[in-house]
Protein backbone atom coordinates (compact mmCIF):
# COMPACT_ATOMS: atom_id res chain seq x y z
CA MET A 1 38.38 88.79 43.44
CA GLU A 2 36.76 90.73 40.84
CA GLN A 3 33.04 91.89 42.13
CA LYS A 4 29.95 90.47 40.33
CA SER A 5 26.84 92.47 39.15
CA ARG A 6 23.96 91.91 41.48
CA LYS A 7 22.01 89.75 38.82
CA ASP A 8 24.77 87.46 38.92
CA VAL A 9 25.08 86.71 43.08
CA PRO A 10 23.41 83.67 43.89
CA VAL A 11 20.38 84.22 45.74
CA GLU A 12 21.34 82.56 49.21
CA LEU A 13 23.78 85.36 49.85
CA THR A 14 21.16 87.83 49.40
CA TRP A 15 18.35 88.93 51.96
CA ASP A 16 14.97 88.26 51.17
CA LEU A 17 12.74 91.45 51.32
CA SER A 18 9.49 89.24 50.70
CA LEU A 19 9.94 89.07 54.61
CA ILE A 20 8.42 92.61 54.78
CA TYR A 21 6.31 92.46 51.33
CA ALA A 22 5.73 89.31 49.25
CA THR A 23 5.33 91.28 45.93
CA GLU A 24 5.72 94.79 44.75
CA GLU A 25 2.20 95.41 44.37
CA GLU A 26 1.44 94.48 47.98
CA MET A 27 3.74 97.41 49.20
CA TYR A 28 1.77 99.81 46.60
CA ARG A 29 -0.97 98.76 48.42
CA ASP A 30 0.27 99.97 51.38
CA VAL A 31 1.25 103.13 49.73
CA GLU A 32 -2.43 103.91 48.88
CA LYS A 33 -3.26 102.89 52.25
CA MET A 34 -1.13 105.65 53.68
CA LYS A 35 -2.82 108.38 51.51
CA GLU A 36 -6.10 107.22 52.29
CA LEU A 37 -5.50 107.32 55.98
CA CYS A 38 -3.47 110.46 55.86
CA GLU A 39 -6.98 112.26 54.16
CA TYR A 40 -8.60 110.89 56.77
CA ILE A 41 -6.56 112.03 59.36
CA VAL A 42 -6.71 115.69 57.86
CA ARG A 43 -10.77 115.52 57.50
CA THR A 44 -11.12 114.38 61.39
CA TYR A 45 -8.74 115.86 63.01
CA LYS A 46 -7.08 119.28 61.58
CA GLY A 47 -8.12 122.27 63.46
CA ARG A 48 -9.63 119.75 66.27
CA LEU A 49 -6.70 119.07 68.37
CA ASP A 50 -8.28 120.72 71.21
CA SER A 51 -8.90 117.76 74.08
CA PRO A 52 -6.78 115.02 75.55
CA GLN A 53 -8.90 112.66 73.92
CA ARG A 54 -9.07 113.79 70.44
CA ILE A 55 -5.13 114.28 70.81
CA ASN A 56 -4.58 110.91 71.77
CA SER A 57 -7.44 109.32 69.40
CA CYS A 58 -5.41 111.65 66.61
CA LEU A 59 -2.14 109.91 67.66
CA ASP A 60 -3.41 106.34 66.95
CA ASP A 61 -4.42 106.73 63.82
CA TYR A 62 -0.73 108.52 63.19
CA ARG A 63 0.71 105.77 64.70
CA GLU A 64 -0.61 103.51 62.54
CA LEU A 65 0.64 105.63 59.20
CA GLU A 66 4.17 105.43 60.49
CA ARG A 67 4.07 102.01 60.64
CA LEU A 68 3.24 101.71 57.06
CA ARG A 69 5.76 104.42 56.34
CA HIS A 70 8.45 102.15 57.96
CA LEU A 71 7.42 99.39 55.98
CA THR A 72 7.16 101.00 52.62
CA ASN A 73 9.95 102.91 53.07
CA SER A 74 12.49 100.17 54.71
CA TYR A 75 11.29 98.05 51.29
CA CYS A 76 12.18 100.35 48.52
CA PHE A 77 15.50 101.77 50.92
CA LEU A 78 16.79 98.26 51.03
CA ALA A 79 16.75 97.34 47.92
CA VAL A 80 18.60 100.23 46.87
CA SER A 81 21.24 100.10 49.09
CA VAL A 82 22.84 96.77 47.75
CA ASP A 83 22.56 97.89 44.16
CA TYR A 84 23.24 101.32 43.35
CA TYR A 85 23.48 100.84 39.21
CA ASN A 86 19.53 99.41 39.43
CA THR A 87 17.81 102.52 38.41
CA TYR A 88 14.29 101.03 38.80
CA ASN A 89 14.92 100.72 42.62
CA GLN A 90 16.17 104.05 42.65
CA GLU A 91 12.78 105.67 40.74
CA ARG A 92 10.77 103.74 42.96
CA LYS A 93 12.32 104.79 45.97
CA GLU A 94 12.04 108.49 45.15
CA LYS A 95 8.65 108.46 44.02
CA LEU A 96 8.23 107.07 47.47
CA SER A 97 10.05 109.80 48.72
CA VAL A 98 7.90 112.36 46.89
CA VAL A 99 4.42 110.85 48.25
CA THR A 100 5.67 110.43 51.85
CA SER A 101 7.07 114.14 51.84
CA GLU A 102 3.52 115.60 50.45
CA ILE A 103 1.69 113.14 53.36
CA TYR A 104 4.08 114.58 56.07
CA SER A 105 3.64 118.19 54.89
CA LYS A 106 -0.39 117.74 54.96
CA LEU A 107 0.10 115.97 58.11
CA SER A 108 2.38 118.69 59.94
CA PHE A 109 -0.87 120.53 61.46
CA ILE A 110 -0.82 117.58 64.27
CA GLU A 111 2.22 118.67 66.13
CA THR A 112 1.85 122.50 65.81
CA GLU A 113 -2.00 122.25 66.56
CA ILE A 114 -0.87 119.97 69.58
CA THR A 115 2.21 122.16 70.59
CA LYS A 116 -0.43 125.12 70.51
CA GLN A 117 -2.36 123.45 73.37
CA ASP A 118 -1.90 125.08 77.08
CA ASP A 119 0.53 123.04 79.08
CA ALA A 120 -2.40 121.82 81.32
CA VAL A 121 -4.10 120.30 78.61
CA LEU A 122 -1.06 118.48 76.91
CA GLN A 123 -0.22 116.89 80.46
CA GLU A 124 -3.83 115.57 80.86
CA ALA A 125 -3.28 114.26 77.41
CA ILE A 126 0.02 112.44 78.61
CA ASP A 127 -1.62 111.25 81.50
CA ILE A 128 -4.44 109.17 79.89
CA ALA A 129 -2.04 108.34 76.75
CA LYS A 130 -0.64 104.50 76.60
CA GLU A 131 1.13 104.51 73.42
CA ASN A 132 1.34 107.93 72.89
CA LYS A 133 2.88 109.13 76.26
CA LEU A 134 6.19 109.52 75.14
CA PHE A 135 5.22 111.31 71.86
CA LEU A 136 3.62 113.86 73.78
CA GLU A 137 6.33 114.59 76.22
CA ASP A 138 8.63 115.13 73.55
CA ILE A 139 5.96 117.54 72.41
CA LEU A 140 6.27 119.42 75.67
CA ARG A 141 9.90 119.19 75.19
CA ASP A 142 10.23 120.82 71.87
CA LYS A 143 7.54 123.42 72.50
CA PRO A 144 10.29 126.15 72.42
CA HIS A 145 11.52 125.39 69.05
CA GLN A 146 8.50 125.04 67.24
CA LEU A 147 7.70 127.11 64.31
CA HIS A 148 4.65 128.88 62.63
CA PRO A 149 2.49 126.26 61.34
CA GLU A 150 2.94 127.45 58.09
CA THR A 151 6.90 127.09 58.07
CA GLU A 152 6.48 123.48 59.40
CA ARG A 153 4.14 122.89 56.92
CA ALA A 154 6.41 123.81 54.13
CA LEU A 155 9.57 122.24 56.06
CA ALA A 156 7.77 118.86 55.99
CA ALA A 157 7.11 119.67 52.06
CA LEU A 158 10.99 120.05 51.43
CA SER A 159 12.06 116.87 53.49
CA HIS A 160 12.87 115.12 50.47
CA THR A 161 14.73 117.81 49.18
CA LEU A 162 16.69 118.72 52.57
CA HIS A 163 18.01 115.23 52.63
CA ALA A 164 19.29 114.95 49.46
CA PRO A 165 23.20 115.72 50.50
CA TYR A 166 23.12 112.32 51.72
CA GLN A 167 21.33 110.80 48.86
CA ILE A 168 24.01 112.73 46.48
CA TYR A 169 26.91 111.80 48.30
CA ASN A 170 26.21 108.03 48.10
CA MET A 171 25.39 108.33 44.66
CA THR A 172 29.03 109.79 43.61
CA LYS A 173 30.54 107.07 46.31
CA LEU A 174 28.51 104.29 45.33
CA ALA A 175 27.58 104.64 42.01
CA ASP A 176 30.09 107.29 40.04
CA MET A 177 32.91 106.05 41.56
CA LYS A 178 34.83 103.79 38.83
CA PHE A 179 38.32 102.39 40.31
CA ASP A 180 40.74 101.43 37.74
CA SER A 181 43.31 98.09 38.62
CA PHE A 182 46.37 98.85 40.43
CA GLN A 183 49.71 96.99 39.52
CA VAL A 184 52.35 96.03 42.31
CA GLY A 185 55.01 94.35 39.95
CA GLU A 186 53.73 92.16 37.33
CA LYS A 187 50.59 91.74 39.20
CA GLU A 188 47.51 93.65 38.29
CA TYR A 189 44.81 94.13 41.17
CA PRO A 190 41.35 94.84 40.73
CA LEU A 191 39.91 97.76 43.15
CA SER A 192 36.44 98.91 44.31
CA TYR A 193 35.57 100.44 47.41
CA SER A 194 34.34 97.18 49.30
CA LEU A 195 37.51 95.51 47.90
CA PHE A 196 39.76 98.50 49.58
CA GLU A 197 37.50 98.46 52.91
CA ASN A 198 37.24 95.11 53.32
CA ASN A 199 40.67 93.66 51.99
CA TYR A 200 43.39 95.63 50.98
CA GLU A 201 43.57 97.82 54.40
CA TYR A 202 43.84 94.42 55.74
CA GLU A 203 46.26 92.99 53.09
CA GLN A 204 49.61 91.53 54.78
CA GLU A 205 51.85 92.52 51.63
CA THR A 206 53.39 95.65 52.40
CA PRO A 207 53.65 96.91 48.92
CA VAL A 208 50.15 95.55 47.49
CA ARG A 209 48.70 97.57 50.66
CA ARG A 210 50.05 100.62 50.22
CA ALA A 211 49.34 100.96 46.82
CA ALA A 212 45.85 99.88 46.94
CA PHE A 213 45.78 102.79 49.76
CA ALA A 214 47.31 104.86 46.89
CA ALA A 215 45.22 104.04 43.73
CA PHE A 216 42.09 104.35 46.06
CA SER A 217 43.22 108.00 47.64
CA GLU A 218 43.83 108.88 44.09
CA LYS A 219 40.53 107.67 42.54
CA ILE A 220 38.27 109.26 45.64
CA ARG A 221 40.57 112.91 45.37
CA GLN A 222 38.81 113.19 41.71
CA TYR A 223 35.54 113.59 43.67
CA GLU A 224 36.85 116.21 46.44
CA ASN A 225 35.14 118.77 45.29
CA VAL A 226 31.87 117.92 45.02
CA THR A 227 32.02 115.72 47.80
CA ALA A 228 33.09 118.96 49.79
CA ALA A 229 29.96 120.94 48.18
CA VAL A 230 27.63 118.18 49.36
CA TYR A 231 28.90 117.94 52.88
CA ASN A 232 29.05 121.97 52.86
CA THR A 233 25.24 121.88 51.92
CA GLN A 234 24.57 119.69 55.11
CA VAL A 235 26.19 121.36 57.59
CA ARG A 236 25.00 124.96 56.35
CA LYS A 237 21.47 123.54 55.87
CA GLU A 238 22.24 122.01 59.75
CA LYS A 239 23.39 125.24 60.89
CA THR A 240 20.15 126.94 59.57
CA MET A 241 17.75 124.60 60.47
CA ALA A 242 19.30 125.23 64.64
CA SER A 243 19.24 128.72 63.89
CA LEU A 244 15.62 128.88 63.02
CA ARG A 245 14.60 126.47 65.92
CA GLY A 246 16.27 128.69 68.12
CA PHE A 247 19.20 126.56 69.47
CA ASP A 248 22.48 128.67 70.16
CA SER A 249 24.66 126.17 68.42
CA VAL A 250 24.48 123.01 65.83
CA LEU A 251 25.65 121.16 68.49
CA ASP A 252 22.84 122.36 71.12
CA SER A 253 20.28 121.43 68.18
CA LEU A 254 21.76 118.03 67.30
CA LEU A 255 22.13 116.95 70.93
CA PHE A 256 18.77 118.04 71.95
CA SER A 257 17.65 115.14 70.21
CA GLN A 258 19.71 113.07 71.61
CA LYS A 259 18.80 113.62 75.37
CA VAL A 260 22.44 114.11 76.36
CA SER A 261 24.49 116.93 77.25
CA LYS A 262 27.13 118.87 75.82
CA GLU A 263 29.36 117.89 78.79
CA MET A 264 28.80 114.00 77.85
CA TYR A 265 29.51 114.88 74.20
CA HIS A 266 32.71 116.86 74.67
CA ARG A 267 33.79 114.22 77.32
CA GLN A 268 34.05 111.37 74.69
CA ILE A 269 36.42 112.72 72.09
CA ASP A 270 38.14 115.14 74.62
CA LEU A 271 39.44 112.26 77.08
CA ILE A 272 39.82 109.96 74.38
CA THR A 273 42.19 111.82 71.98
CA VAL A 274 44.20 112.48 75.11
CA HIS A 275 44.00 109.31 77.00
CA LEU A 276 43.78 106.51 74.50
CA ALA A 277 46.31 108.04 72.11
CA PRO A 278 49.56 106.53 74.06
CA HIS A 279 47.92 102.96 74.29
CA MET A 280 47.60 103.17 70.53
CA ARG A 281 50.43 104.69 69.53
CA LYS A 282 52.38 101.98 71.57
CA TYR A 283 49.77 99.55 69.58
CA ALA A 284 51.33 101.01 66.08
CA ARG A 285 54.89 100.57 67.56
CA LEU A 286 54.43 97.22 67.87
CA LEU A 287 52.54 96.77 64.11
CA LYS A 288 55.50 97.97 62.97
CA LYS A 289 58.05 96.06 64.68
CA ILE A 290 56.21 92.63 64.59
CA HIS A 291 55.72 93.19 60.48
CA LYS A 292 59.76 94.88 60.20
CA LEU A 293 58.06 97.81 58.79
CA ASP A 294 60.36 100.51 57.14
CA LYS A 295 57.88 103.41 58.82
CA MET A 296 54.56 103.41 60.32
CA THR A 297 51.77 105.11 57.72
CA PHE A 298 48.23 105.20 58.03
CA ALA A 299 47.91 102.60 55.62
CA ASP A 300 49.13 100.36 57.74
CA LEU A 301 47.11 100.86 60.60
CA LYS A 302 44.75 98.19 59.99
CA ILE A 303 47.00 94.93 59.48
CA ALA A 304 46.72 91.88 61.80
CA VAL A 305 49.23 91.24 64.85
CA ASP A 306 49.59 87.80 63.68
CA PRO A 307 48.40 87.48 59.77
CA GLY A 308 49.18 84.08 59.62
CA TYR A 309 46.80 83.15 62.47
CA ASP A 310 44.07 84.67 60.50
CA PRO A 311 41.47 81.66 59.73
CA LYS A 312 39.16 81.59 56.51
CA VAL A 313 35.34 81.54 58.08
CA THR A 314 32.69 80.45 55.42
CA ILE A 315 29.40 81.55 56.41
CA GLU A 316 28.46 78.18 57.41
CA GLU A 317 31.06 78.27 60.04
CA SER A 318 30.04 81.80 61.22
CA LYS A 319 26.89 80.20 62.87
CA ASN A 320 28.90 78.41 65.30
CA TYR A 321 30.85 81.14 66.28
CA VAL A 322 28.21 83.76 66.29
CA GLU A 323 25.44 81.06 68.44
CA LYS A 324 28.11 80.02 70.64
CA GLY A 325 29.47 83.30 71.51
CA LEU A 326 26.01 84.83 72.17
CA ALA A 327 24.54 82.41 74.05
CA VAL A 328 24.85 83.88 77.48
CA LEU A 329 21.84 85.96 76.03
CA GLY A 330 19.51 83.13 76.33
CA GLU A 331 17.81 80.83 74.29
CA ASP A 332 15.31 83.36 72.62
CA TYR A 333 18.51 85.18 71.10
CA ALA A 334 20.07 82.00 70.23
CA GLU A 335 16.35 81.30 68.23
CA MET A 336 17.00 84.81 66.85
CA ILE A 337 20.35 83.90 65.41
CA ARG A 338 19.47 80.94 63.88
CA THR A 339 16.14 82.31 62.30
CA ALA A 340 18.31 85.19 60.77
CA TYR A 341 20.50 82.32 58.91
CA ARG A 342 17.32 80.22 57.87
CA GLU A 343 15.06 83.31 56.76
CA ARG A 344 17.57 84.99 55.10
CA TRP A 345 17.74 88.64 57.23
CA VAL A 346 21.77 89.04 56.16
CA ASP A 347 22.85 89.73 52.90
CA PHE A 348 26.29 88.83 52.35
CA ALA A 349 26.99 89.50 48.88
CA GLN A 350 29.97 91.21 47.55
CA ASN A 351 28.58 92.98 44.13
CA THR A 352 29.09 96.39 42.45
CA GLY A 353 27.16 99.26 43.70
CA LYS A 354 26.50 97.99 47.22
CA SER A 355 26.42 99.98 49.95
CA THR A 356 30.10 99.66 52.02
CA GLY A 357 30.42 98.78 55.82
CA GLY A 358 27.12 97.16 57.22
CA PHE A 359 24.04 98.25 59.14
CA CYS A 360 21.07 96.84 60.56
CA SER A 361 17.58 98.15 59.46
CA SER A 362 14.78 96.88 61.87
CA PRO A 363 11.53 97.69 60.58
CA TYR A 364 8.58 97.78 63.18
CA GLY A 365 6.41 94.43 63.18
CA LYS A 366 9.22 92.81 61.17
CA ASN A 367 12.41 91.35 61.31
CA SER A 368 15.72 93.04 61.29
CA PHE A 369 17.89 92.96 57.88
CA ILE A 370 21.38 92.92 57.80
CA LEU A 371 23.59 94.57 55.12
CA LEU A 372 27.54 93.35 55.01
CA SER A 373 29.99 92.06 52.23
CA TRP A 374 31.48 88.49 53.62
CA HIS A 375 35.44 87.95 52.73
CA GLU A 376 35.73 84.77 54.88
CA ARG A 377 37.61 86.88 57.79
CA MET A 378 37.47 86.73 61.14
CA ALA A 379 36.51 90.51 60.98
CA ASP A 380 33.38 89.68 59.38
CA VAL A 381 32.01 87.78 62.37
CA PHE A 382 32.48 90.46 64.36
CA THR A 383 30.85 92.84 61.95
CA LEU A 384 27.76 90.23 61.91
CA ALA A 385 27.52 89.83 65.84
CA HIS A 386 27.42 93.42 65.89
CA GLU A 387 24.47 93.90 63.69
CA LEU A 388 22.91 91.13 65.28
CA GLY A 389 23.07 93.19 68.25
CA HIS A 390 21.26 96.00 66.77
CA ALA A 391 18.59 93.25 65.16
CA GLY A 392 18.10 91.67 68.88
CA HIS A 393 17.84 94.97 70.31
CA PHE A 394 14.94 96.22 68.49
CA LYS A 395 13.09 92.58 68.56
CA ALA A 396 13.35 93.15 72.72
CA CYS A 397 12.07 96.93 72.29
CA ASN A 398 9.94 96.47 69.25
CA SER A 399 8.26 93.44 70.87
CA ALA A 400 7.58 95.60 74.28
CA GLN A 401 6.99 99.56 73.19
CA SER A 402 5.19 100.97 71.54
CA LEU A 403 6.22 102.32 67.69
CA PHE A 404 6.67 105.38 69.10
CA ASP A 405 8.79 104.07 71.88
CA VAL A 406 11.54 102.77 69.77
CA ASN A 407 13.36 105.78 68.68
CA VAL A 408 16.43 104.77 70.66
CA SER A 409 19.09 108.03 71.25
CA SER A 410 22.05 107.33 69.06
CA TYR A 411 24.08 107.62 71.91
CA PHE A 412 23.11 104.47 73.04
CA VAL A 413 21.99 102.72 69.90
CA GLU A 414 25.86 101.08 69.57
CA ALA A 415 25.59 99.66 73.04
CA PRO A 416 23.81 96.43 72.28
CA SER A 417 25.73 96.14 69.10
CA THR A 418 29.30 96.77 70.39
CA MET A 419 28.29 94.58 73.20
CA ASN A 420 28.19 91.35 70.87
CA GLU A 421 31.22 91.91 69.55
CA LEU A 422 32.88 91.72 73.39
CA LEU A 423 30.91 88.50 74.11
CA MET A 424 32.07 87.29 71.14
CA VAL A 425 35.60 87.72 72.45
CA ASN A 426 34.76 86.23 75.86
CA TYR A 427 33.89 83.44 74.69
CA LEU A 428 36.93 82.60 72.14
CA LEU A 429 39.36 83.14 74.98
CA LYS A 430 37.56 80.53 77.17
CA THR A 431 37.60 78.09 73.84
CA ASN A 432 41.60 77.77 73.90
CA PRO A 433 44.67 78.44 76.29
CA ASP A 434 47.53 78.34 73.48
CA PRO A 435 48.87 82.04 73.84
CA ARG A 436 49.32 82.75 69.94
CA PHE A 437 45.02 81.90 70.00
CA ARG A 438 44.86 84.65 72.71
CA ARG A 439 47.09 87.13 71.22
CA TRP A 440 44.94 86.32 68.23
CA VAL A 441 41.66 87.27 69.96
CA LEU A 442 43.07 90.43 72.11
CA SER A 443 44.35 91.59 68.68
CA CYS A 444 40.98 91.18 66.93
CA MET A 445 39.61 93.08 69.96
CA ILE A 446 41.87 96.02 69.46
CA GLY A 447 42.30 95.89 65.70
CA ASN A 448 38.50 95.47 65.06
CA THR A 449 36.48 96.46 67.79
CA TYR A 450 38.06 98.77 69.74
CA TYR A 451 39.99 100.57 66.42
CA HIS A 452 36.86 100.76 64.58
CA ASN A 453 34.79 102.64 67.63
CA PHE A 454 37.41 104.04 69.79
CA VAL A 455 39.68 105.26 66.79
CA THR A 456 38.51 105.48 62.93
CA HIS A 457 34.70 106.68 64.46
CA LEU A 458 36.04 108.93 67.21
CA MET A 459 38.96 111.02 64.86
CA GLU A 460 35.41 111.70 62.71
CA ALA A 461 33.89 113.35 65.80
CA ALA A 462 36.88 115.24 66.66
CA TYR A 463 36.80 116.38 62.69
CA GLN A 464 33.45 116.90 62.60
CA ARG A 465 33.21 119.09 65.44
CA GLU A 466 35.79 121.22 64.19
CA VAL A 467 33.62 121.85 61.32
CA TYR A 468 30.43 122.96 63.31
CA LYS A 469 32.87 125.21 65.39
CA ILE A 470 33.64 126.85 61.74
CA VAL A 471 29.89 126.74 60.59
CA ASP A 472 28.46 127.82 64.04
CA GLN A 473 30.69 131.35 63.48
CA GLY A 474 29.12 132.03 59.81
CA GLY A 475 31.87 130.22 57.84
CA SER A 476 31.68 127.53 55.08
CA VAL A 477 33.76 124.60 54.08
CA ASN A 478 35.47 123.20 50.91
CA ALA A 479 37.80 120.28 50.16
CA GLU A 480 41.08 121.98 51.33
CA THR A 481 39.94 123.11 54.91
CA LEU A 482 38.64 119.61 55.17
CA HIS A 483 41.51 118.24 54.05
CA GLY A 484 43.63 120.17 57.11
CA ILE A 485 41.55 119.22 59.46
CA MET A 486 40.97 115.76 58.85
CA LYS A 487 45.05 115.86 58.82
CA GLU A 488 45.60 117.41 62.10
CA THR A 489 43.36 115.46 63.86
CA LEU A 490 45.01 112.65 62.81
CA GLU A 491 47.93 114.07 63.28
CA LYS A 492 47.56 114.98 66.93
CA PHE A 493 46.47 111.84 67.93
CA TRP A 494 49.20 109.61 66.23
CA GLY A 495 52.11 111.85 66.82
CA ASP A 496 55.44 111.02 65.76
CA ASP A 497 54.36 107.23 65.75
CA VAL A 498 52.61 107.33 62.26
CA GLU A 499 53.04 109.27 59.00
CA ILE A 500 50.03 111.08 58.00
CA ASN A 501 50.12 112.13 54.84
CA ASP A 502 48.03 113.78 52.06
CA ASP A 503 45.99 110.47 51.10
CA ALA A 504 45.19 109.64 54.58
CA ALA A 505 43.53 113.46 54.85
CA LEU A 506 41.24 112.26 52.53
CA THR A 507 39.56 109.95 55.07
CA TRP A 508 36.91 112.74 55.81
CA MET A 509 35.35 111.72 52.32
CA ARG A 510 34.95 108.10 53.29
CA GLN A 511 31.90 107.95 56.03
CA PRO A 512 28.52 108.66 55.56
CA HIS A 513 27.83 109.17 59.03
CA TYR A 514 28.47 113.12 58.33
CA TYR A 515 24.89 112.98 57.27
CA MET A 516 23.49 111.70 60.11
CA GLY A 517 24.36 114.21 62.85
CA LEU A 518 26.35 113.97 65.74
CA TYR A 519 26.44 109.73 65.06
CA SER A 520 30.26 109.15 64.93
CA TYR A 521 31.22 109.80 68.72
CA THR A 522 27.98 107.82 69.73
CA TYR A 523 30.02 104.67 68.82
CA SER A 524 32.72 105.31 71.63
CA ALA A 525 29.89 105.85 73.80
CA GLY A 526 28.37 103.18 73.24
CA LEU A 527 30.94 100.64 73.30
CA THR A 528 31.63 102.79 76.78
CA ILE A 529 28.57 101.64 78.22
CA ALA A 530 29.24 97.85 76.49
CA THR A 531 32.19 97.42 78.00
CA GLN A 532 30.95 98.31 81.50
CA VAL A 533 28.07 95.75 81.51
CA CYS A 534 30.15 93.27 79.66
CA ARG A 535 32.51 93.30 82.50
CA ARG A 536 29.34 93.08 84.87
CA ILE A 537 28.30 89.66 83.30
CA GLN A 538 31.89 88.49 83.57
CA GLN A 539 31.67 89.19 87.62
CA GLU A 540 28.15 88.94 88.18
CA GLY A 541 26.88 86.27 85.73
CA MET A 542 23.19 86.12 85.32
CA SER A 543 22.10 88.95 87.01
CA ALA A 544 23.64 91.34 84.85
CA VAL A 545 22.40 89.79 81.57
CA GLU A 546 18.99 89.95 83.30
CA ASP A 547 19.63 93.68 83.64
CA TRP A 548 20.64 94.00 80.18
CA LYS A 549 17.49 92.16 78.73
CA LYS A 550 15.40 94.84 80.70
CA VAL A 551 17.74 97.63 78.94
CA LEU A 552 17.04 96.17 75.64
CA ALA A 553 13.68 96.15 75.92
CA ALA A 554 13.02 99.73 77.16
CA GLY A 555 13.18 101.12 73.65
CA SER A 556 13.02 105.08 73.91
CA THR A 557 10.97 105.26 77.24
CA LEU A 558 14.28 106.08 79.13
CA ASP A 559 17.62 108.81 78.08
CA PRO A 560 20.71 107.41 77.62
CA LEU A 561 21.24 107.91 81.41
CA GLY A 562 18.48 106.07 82.25
CA LEU A 563 19.53 103.49 79.86
CA ALA A 564 22.83 103.21 81.46
CA LYS A 565 21.58 103.42 85.12
CA LEU A 566 19.47 100.46 84.29
CA ALA A 567 22.48 98.42 83.19
CA GLY A 568 24.01 99.39 86.63
CA ILE A 569 26.31 102.13 84.62
CA ASP A 570 26.66 105.55 85.99
CA ILE A 571 27.99 107.90 82.34
CA SER A 572 27.30 110.74 84.51
CA THR A 573 30.83 111.12 85.32
CA ASP A 574 34.01 110.17 83.75
CA GLY A 575 35.06 106.76 85.23
CA PRO A 576 33.26 104.46 82.97
CA LEU A 577 34.99 105.91 79.86
CA MET A 578 38.40 106.20 81.71
CA ASP A 579 38.43 102.65 83.22
CA THR A 580 37.68 101.39 79.37
CA ILE A 581 40.38 103.53 78.14
CA ALA A 582 42.75 101.76 80.77
CA TYR A 583 41.03 98.33 79.98
CA ILE A 584 42.29 98.98 76.35
CA GLY A 585 45.36 99.58 77.74
CA GLU A 586 45.76 96.50 79.61
CA MET A 587 44.99 94.13 76.30
CA ILE A 588 47.96 96.09 74.44
CA ASP A 589 49.89 95.51 77.11
CA GLU A 590 49.22 91.94 76.88
CA ILE A 591 49.31 91.62 73.45
CA ALA A 592 53.26 93.00 73.54
CA ALA A 593 53.81 90.70 76.58
CA LEU A 594 52.80 87.82 74.41
CA THR A 595 54.34 88.80 71.42
CA ASP A 596 57.77 88.73 73.36
CA GLU A 597 56.80 85.59 74.90
CA LEU A 598 56.62 84.00 71.39
CA GLY A 599 59.24 85.39 69.64
CA PHE A 600 57.21 86.79 66.77
């Protein structure tokens, strides 16, 4: 279980970044093209963006520069994400960041000059636009929040510095933290961030699981003050930017870019906290009963209902599960999955210095790149299906839309990914009528898909909302404050059914989502939409699938309300969320009934 260095990982377990650039030299040639295109745009358009025709001509050139930025940035970022110990890749990424900051400082005049035009000129530019229409509509929408041109130019020049909190957080977590092994009885166990989150949290042996949690918590606690200081810098920056741009609060500022209302944001947190909690407490009590635990602790919440029925799954075997599980989405989708395996879109490797969790990056005009760490668990199959959901989404919208029209609101962006997890479960349930198998599949759904998105990320969102309340009132946060907020958030949700100790309070240190605006709550929002669409597919068949494909191809041409409506779901009311919570409760009730039926 000891992790290897990146250089010792078999190449077949890694992704192939040559699918973006065959050589590093090719990437640097595109960097030079960006610089040249930047200078051309400045020479040709600066001070002259006063007609609809020139505005669109400028944006055509700017769109090409953005395409090059997507490719060069992806190439450098992805190389770093799999090995934070590689200083060469770190330096290359930093060098590119400096170049892009300089470019965007020079090009900040584009939005400020367009913004200065009368609304009639902007509207005419929109009317004659093809691939720039949404970009221009957003400029019109952003107009009240634009700053003086020199201020915008300075902020663009400082973009690298303004993103520093996220970089520092990752360096602290993935490069500086070195975990010692821990001991249980006579046996010593290795420990790392990845081993803890991907192995020990699911460990069947209670003494090992709890000891791993204690050892992991002891190590991250050593970094609590620097992590709190970096996070405080992040939220204070967000408050400053919100105030500068004339927003009443940080929430208003961050929700503006997502194109959703405060009501939609608060609904996700408030309804789930109140109405899902009783169901999840029942699930916690069931785990305690099945595993004959002396008490239910935070460290025990991710154990499987039936660990003896959790088959090992090789990467090769996962192909069959994923392809058949997602077959309902059509042959084109199946071919994308086969290509992802064949052309090495996925980085399966376990190695030191690699980012934790999973993500999918989809540079415009290229294939997707998926990061995860394969531990031969069914949970890994669900993670892969999830990330392939992002890949399928951006394959569809990148093919159908302008580069300016694929920046999908984060409120919706987790719907296609979580949809794939639900489709996998539907497929598995049809393959075997055995009660034990059914219980295992349903518990995978609760313990992985819904726990991850409706509990883990929802608790993050509830905690984050409290932080922003403090910041909006002119305050700041430190480690002690953040511990207290997280502990209170968890205690409110789990009540007396789960022991929440000081180690559990450290959970706020573990997620990068806090450096991505209001992202955490969107997992439950996306899964709410996915649940309702999946149920439509079960009831209506291919007509619902065809609607879903239209949604995937729509990109950001519709806001979240519009995308959900196109999928046949009305998220302007409480209905879909309350129905999803009830659905979760029904599954937990069935797991409990099957446990009684099976007698173990």
